[in-house]
Amino acid sequence: MNFESYQDLLERRRALRLDPAASHLERLVANTSCRKLCKYRQSRLLEAAQGRRSLKRYRRDFLDYRVPLTTLLNEDGIRTSSRQMMESITKRFYTNLCRSSTPVSNLLFPLEKCHQEFYLLKYAEQADHEGSHGSATGPCFG
């Protein structure tokens, strides 16, 4: 007998309980399928215990491994899980994101001057840090 996962059955049963248009027969089928799955799991565990087999392995077989699938929505709003399609969607998205109709303005100062200011600020911070230790001139090793 092919049993569906327990979580799917419980979710379907919850949805049927909340659905006012669901028939009584649908609710009964959902309840009995959940009960059958519970009984099946209990019988398998009992069988493993009586046969002195690993209960841990049987429980692990029953776990519902729900690996979330990575999906992306394309431009039409359709989910895609194919790696090639996801790569093409991502490429198009970032290409459109990085494209800009406004030109990049020129820098106000040359690049060398920017580096000089950066090093002057770093030197001033280092000198301030060394002076706070109360040591004489020279690098701070503390």
C-alpha atoms as a PDB file:
ATOM      1  CA  MET A   1       0.000   0.000   0.000  1.00  0.00           C
ATOM      2  CA  ASN A   2       1.411   3.372  -0.978  1.00  0.00           C
ATOM      3  CA  PHE A   3       0.996   5.880   1.854  1.00  0.00           C
ATOM      4  CA  GLU A   4       1.386   9.586   1.452  1.00  0.00           C
ATOM      5  CA  SER A   5       3.378  11.552   3.944  1.00  0.00           C
ATOM      6  CA  TYR A   6       1.719  12.129   7.262  1.00  0.00           C
ATOM      7  CA  GLN A   7       2.141  15.901   7.117  1.00  0.00           C
ATOM      8  CA  ASP A   8       0.380  16.122   3.754  1.00  0.00           C
ATOM      9  CA  LEU A   9      -2.529  14.109   5.090  1.00  0.00           C
ATOM     10  CA  LEU A  10      -2.814  16.312   8.166  1.00  0.00           C
ATOM     11  CA  GLU A  11      -2.703  19.464   6.061  1.00  0.00           C
ATOM     12  CA  ARG A  12      -5.405  18.133   3.762  1.00  0.00           C
ATOM     13  CA  ARG A  13      -7.551  17.162   6.752  1.00  0.00           C
ATOM     14  CA  ARG A  14      -7.153  20.644   8.278  1.00  0.00           C
ATOM     15  CA  ALA A  15      -8.087  22.259   4.982  1.00  0.00           C
ATOM     16  CA  LEU A  16     -11.172  20.063   4.694  1.00  0.00           C
ATOM     17  CA  ARG A  17     -12.261  20.935   8.229  1.00  0.00           C
ATOM     18  CA  LEU A  18     -12.023  24.639   7.446  1.00  0.00           C
ATOM     19  CA  ASP A  19     -13.688  24.326   4.043  1.00  0.00           C
ATOM     20  CA  PRO A  20     -17.460  24.807   4.402  1.00  0.00           C
ATOM     21  CA  ALA A  21     -18.077  23.373   0.921  1.00  0.00           C
ATOM     22  CA  ALA A  22     -16.313  20.066   1.698  1.00  0.00           C
ATOM     23  CA  SER A  23     -18.584  17.054   1.818  1.00  0.00           C
ATOM     24  CA  HIS A  24     -18.888  14.702   4.767  1.00  0.00           C
ATOM     25  CA  LEU A  25     -17.446  11.879   2.677  1.00  0.00           C
ATOM     26  CA  GLU A  26     -14.272  13.855   1.908  1.00  0.00           C
ATOM     27  CA  ARG A  27     -13.765  14.512   5.614  1.00  0.00           C
ATOM     28  CA  LEU A  28     -14.257  10.835   6.450  1.00  0.00           C
ATOM     29  CA  VAL A  29     -11.741   9.750   3.805  1.00  0.00           C
ATOM     30  CA  ALA A  30      -9.150  12.204   5.126  1.00  0.00           C
ATOM     31  CA  ASN A  31      -9.667  11.045   8.721  1.00  0.00           C
ATOM     32  CA  THR A  32      -9.470   7.343   7.868  1.00  0.00           C
ATOM     33  CA  SER A  33      -6.348   7.794   5.754  1.00  0.00           C
ATOM     34  CA  CYS A  34      -4.636   9.591   8.665  1.00  0.00           C
ATOM     35  CA  ARG A  35      -5.663   6.810  11.041  1.00  0.00           C
ATOM     36  CA  LYS A  36      -4.461   4.128   8.609  1.00  0.00           C
ATOM     37  CA  LEU A  37      -1.086   5.789   8.319  1.00  0.00           C
ATOM     38  CA  CYS A  38      -0.755   6.014  12.119  1.00  0.00           C
ATOM     39  CA  LYS A  39      -1.627   2.327  12.476  1.00  0.00           C
ATOM     40  CA  TYR A  40       0.816   1.405   9.723  1.00  0.00           C
ATOM     41  CA  ARG A  41       3.628   3.309  11.419  1.00  0.00           C
ATOM     42  CA  GLN A  42       2.856   1.719  14.784  1.00  0.00           C
ATOM     43  CA  SER A  43       2.783  -1.765  13.287  1.00  0.00           C
ATOM     44  CA  ARG A  44       6.124  -1.208  11.563  1.00  0.00           C
ATOM     45  CA  LEU A  45       7.716  -0.018  14.814  1.00  0.00           C
ATOM     46  CA  LEU A  46       6.232  -2.956  16.716  1.00  0.00           C
ATOM     47  CA  GLU A  47       7.515  -5.335  14.049  1.00  0.00           C
ATOM     48  CA  ALA A  48      10.995  -3.816  14.336  1.00  0.00           C
ATOM     49  CA  ALA A  49      10.929  -4.045  18.131  1.00  0.00           C
ATOM     50  CA  GLN A  50       9.795  -7.678  18.103  1.00  0.00           C
ATOM     51  CA  GLY A  51      12.438  -8.567  15.539  1.00  0.00           C
ATOM     52  CA  ARG A  52      15.076  -6.742  17.645  1.00  0.00           C
ATOM     53  CA  ARG A  53      15.958  -4.486  14.755  1.00  0.00           C
ATOM     54  CA  SER A  54      17.042  -0.879  14.986  1.00  0.00           C
ATOM     55  CA  LEU A  55      14.132   1.335  16.012  1.00  0.00           C
ATOM     56  CA  LYS A  56      16.212   4.370  15.185  1.00  0.00           C
ATOM     57  CA  ARG A  57      16.490   3.296  11.564  1.00  0.00           C
ATOM     58  CA  TYR A  58      12.749   2.644  11.276  1.00  0.00           C
ATOM     59  CA  ARG A  59      11.905   6.010  12.812  1.00  0.00           C
ATOM     60  CA  ARG A  60      14.344   7.683  10.443  1.00  0.00           C
ATOM     61  CA  ASP A  61      12.579   6.020   7.520  1.00  0.00           C
ATOM     62  CA  PHE A  62       9.271   7.515   8.678  1.00  0.00           C
ATOM     63  CA  LEU A  63      10.549  11.054   9.009  1.00  0.00           C
ATOM     64  CA  ASP A  64       9.096  13.416   6.508  1.00  0.00           C
ATOM     65  CA  TYR A  65      12.151  15.114   5.104  1.00  0.00           C
ATOM     66  CA  ARG A  66      10.777  18.317   3.719  1.00  0.00           C
ATOM     67  CA  VAL A  67      13.638  19.854   1.847  1.00  0.00           C
ATOM     68  CA  PRO A  68      12.542  23.283   0.707  1.00  0.00           C
ATOM     69  CA  LEU A  69      13.086  23.528  -3.012  1.00  0.00           C
ATOM     70  CA  THR A  70      14.692  26.671  -4.249  1.00  0.00           C
ATOM     71  CA  THR A  71      12.425  28.364  -6.738  1.00  0.00           C
ATOM     72  CA  LEU A  72      12.301  31.736  -8.407  1.00  0.00           C
ATOM     73  CA  LEU A  73       9.417  33.652  -9.859  1.00  0.00           C
ATOM     74  CA  ASN A  74       9.944  34.657 -13.459  1.00  0.00           C
ATOM     75  CA  GLU A  75       8.537  37.801 -15.061  1.00  0.00           C
ATOM     76  CA  ASP A  76       5.156  36.124 -15.593  1.00  0.00           C
ATOM     77  CA  GLY A  77       4.895  35.094 -11.932  1.00  0.00           C
ATOM     78  CA  ILE A  78       5.477  31.386 -12.619  1.00  0.00           C
ATOM     79  CA  ARG A  79       7.723  29.456 -10.221  1.00  0.00           C
ATOM     80  CA  THR A  80      10.740  27.773 -11.777  1.00  0.00           C
ATOM     81  CA  SER A  81      13.032  25.288 -10.059  1.00  0.00           C
ATOM     82  CA  SER A  82      15.308  24.435 -12.975  1.00  0.00           C
ATOM     83  CA  ARG A  83      18.884  25.556 -12.367  1.00  0.00           C
ATOM     84  CA  GLN A  84      19.341  26.865 -15.906  1.00  0.00           C
ATOM     85  CA  MET A  85      16.107  28.841 -15.772  1.00  0.00           C
ATOM     86  CA  MET A  86      16.968  30.281 -12.357  1.00  0.00           C
ATOM     87  CA  GLU A  87      20.378  31.362 -13.652  1.00  0.00           C
ATOM     88  CA  SER A  88      18.826  33.077 -16.662  1.00  0.00           C
ATOM     89  CA  ILE A  89      16.208  34.819 -14.479  1.00  0.00           C
ATOM     90  CA  THR A  90      18.911  36.009 -12.083  1.00  0.00           C
ATOM     91  CA  LYS A  91      21.099  37.195 -14.946  1.00  0.00           C
ATOM     92  CA  ARG A  92      18.245  39.169 -16.502  1.00  0.00           C
ATOM     93  CA  PHE A  93      17.238  40.652 -13.148  1.00  0.00           C
ATOM     94  CA  TYR A  94      20.710  41.898 -12.241  1.00  0.00           C
ATOM     95  CA  THR A  95      21.386  43.098 -15.780  1.00  0.00           C
ATOM     96  CA  ASN A  96      18.236  45.225 -15.679  1.00  0.00           C
ATOM     97  CA  LEU A  97      19.023  46.348 -12.142  1.00  0.00           C
ATOM     98  CA  CYS A  98      22.532  47.516 -12.999  1.00  0.00           C
ATOM     99  CA  ARG A  99      21.514  49.282 -16.189  1.00  0.00           C
ATOM    100  CA  SER A 100      20.916  52.948 -15.627  1.00  0.00           C
ATOM    101  CA  SER A 101      19.753  55.703 -17.917  1.00  0.00           C
ATOM    102  CA  THR A 102      21.578  58.401 -15.940  1.00  0.00           C
ATOM    103  CA  PRO A 103      25.272  58.864 -16.725  1.00  0.00           C
ATOM    104  CA  VAL A 104      27.846  58.489 -13.980  1.00  0.00           C
ATOM    105  CA  SER A 105      29.132  61.876 -12.857  1.00  0.00           C
ATOM    106  CA  ASN A 106      32.856  62.612 -12.836  1.00  0.00           C
ATOM    107  CA  LEU A 107      34.689  62.521  -9.540  1.00  0.00           C
ATOM    108  CA  LEU A 108      35.227  65.892  -7.895  1.00  0.00           C
ATOM    109  CA  PHE A 109      38.863  65.176  -7.133  1.00  0.00           C
ATOM    110  CA  PRO A 110      41.495  63.026  -8.779  1.00  0.00           C
ATOM    111  CA  LEU A 111      41.956  59.472  -7.572  1.00  0.00           C
ATOM    112  CA  GLU A 112      45.469  60.138  -6.278  1.00  0.00           C
ATOM    113  CA  LYS A 113      44.173  62.906  -4.042  1.00  0.00           C
ATOM    114  CA  CYS A 114      41.567  60.501  -2.666  1.00  0.00           C
ATOM    115  CA  HIS A 115      44.311  58.039  -1.723  1.00  0.00           C
ATOM    116  CA  GLN A 116      46.377  60.810  -0.130  1.00  0.00           C
ATOM    117  CA  GLU A 117      43.448  61.902   2.041  1.00  0.00           C
ATOM    118  CA  PHE A 118      42.769  58.298   3.027  1.00  0.00           C
ATOM    119  CA  TYR A 119      46.367  57.712   4.114  1.00  0.00           C
ATOM    120  CA  LEU A 120      46.504  61.040   5.955  1.00  0.00           C
ATOM    121  CA  LEU A 121      43.376  60.097   7.899  1.00  0.00           C
ATOM    122  CA  LYS A 122      44.777  56.653   8.692  1.00  0.00           C
ATOM    123  CA  TYR A 123      48.087  58.200   9.813  1.00  0.00           C
ATOM    124  CA  ALA A 124      46.243  60.668  12.048  1.00  0.00           C
ATOM    125  CA  GLU A 125      44.169  57.868  13.604  1.00  0.00           C
ATOM    126  CA  GLN A 126      47.288  55.785  14.219  1.00  0.00           C
ATOM    127  CA  ALA A 127      49.118  58.735  15.772  1.00  0.00           C
ATOM    128  CA  ASP A 128      46.115  59.463  17.978  1.00  0.00           C
ATOM    129  CA  HIS A 129      45.947  55.805  19.019  1.00  0.00           C
ATOM    130  CA  GLU A 130      49.667  55.673  19.851  1.00  0.00           C
ATOM    131  CA  GLY A 131      49.443  58.864  21.845  1.00  0.00           C
ATOM    132  CA  SER A 132      46.630  57.500  23.977  1.00  0.00           C
ATOM    133  CA  HIS A 133      48.930  54.786  25.405  1.00  0.00           C
ATOM    134  CA  GLY A 134      51.319  57.371  26.815  1.00  0.00           C
ATOM    135  CA  SER A 135      54.284  55.977  24.940  1.00  0.00           C
ATOM    136  CA  ALA A 136      56.951  57.895  23.134  1.00  0.00           C
ATOM    137  CA  THR A 137      57.207  58.041  19.372  1.00  0.00           C
ATOM    138  CA  GLY A 138      57.281  54.752  17.541  1.00  0.00           C
ATOM    139  CA  PRO A 139      54.871  52.012  16.735  1.00  0.00           C
ATOM    140  CA  CYS A 140      52.486  50.736  19.357  1.00  0.00           C
ATOM    141  CA  PHE A 141      52.995  47.052  20.109  1.00  0.00           C
ATOM    142  CA  GLY A 142      50.501  46.864  22.963  1.00  0.00           C
END
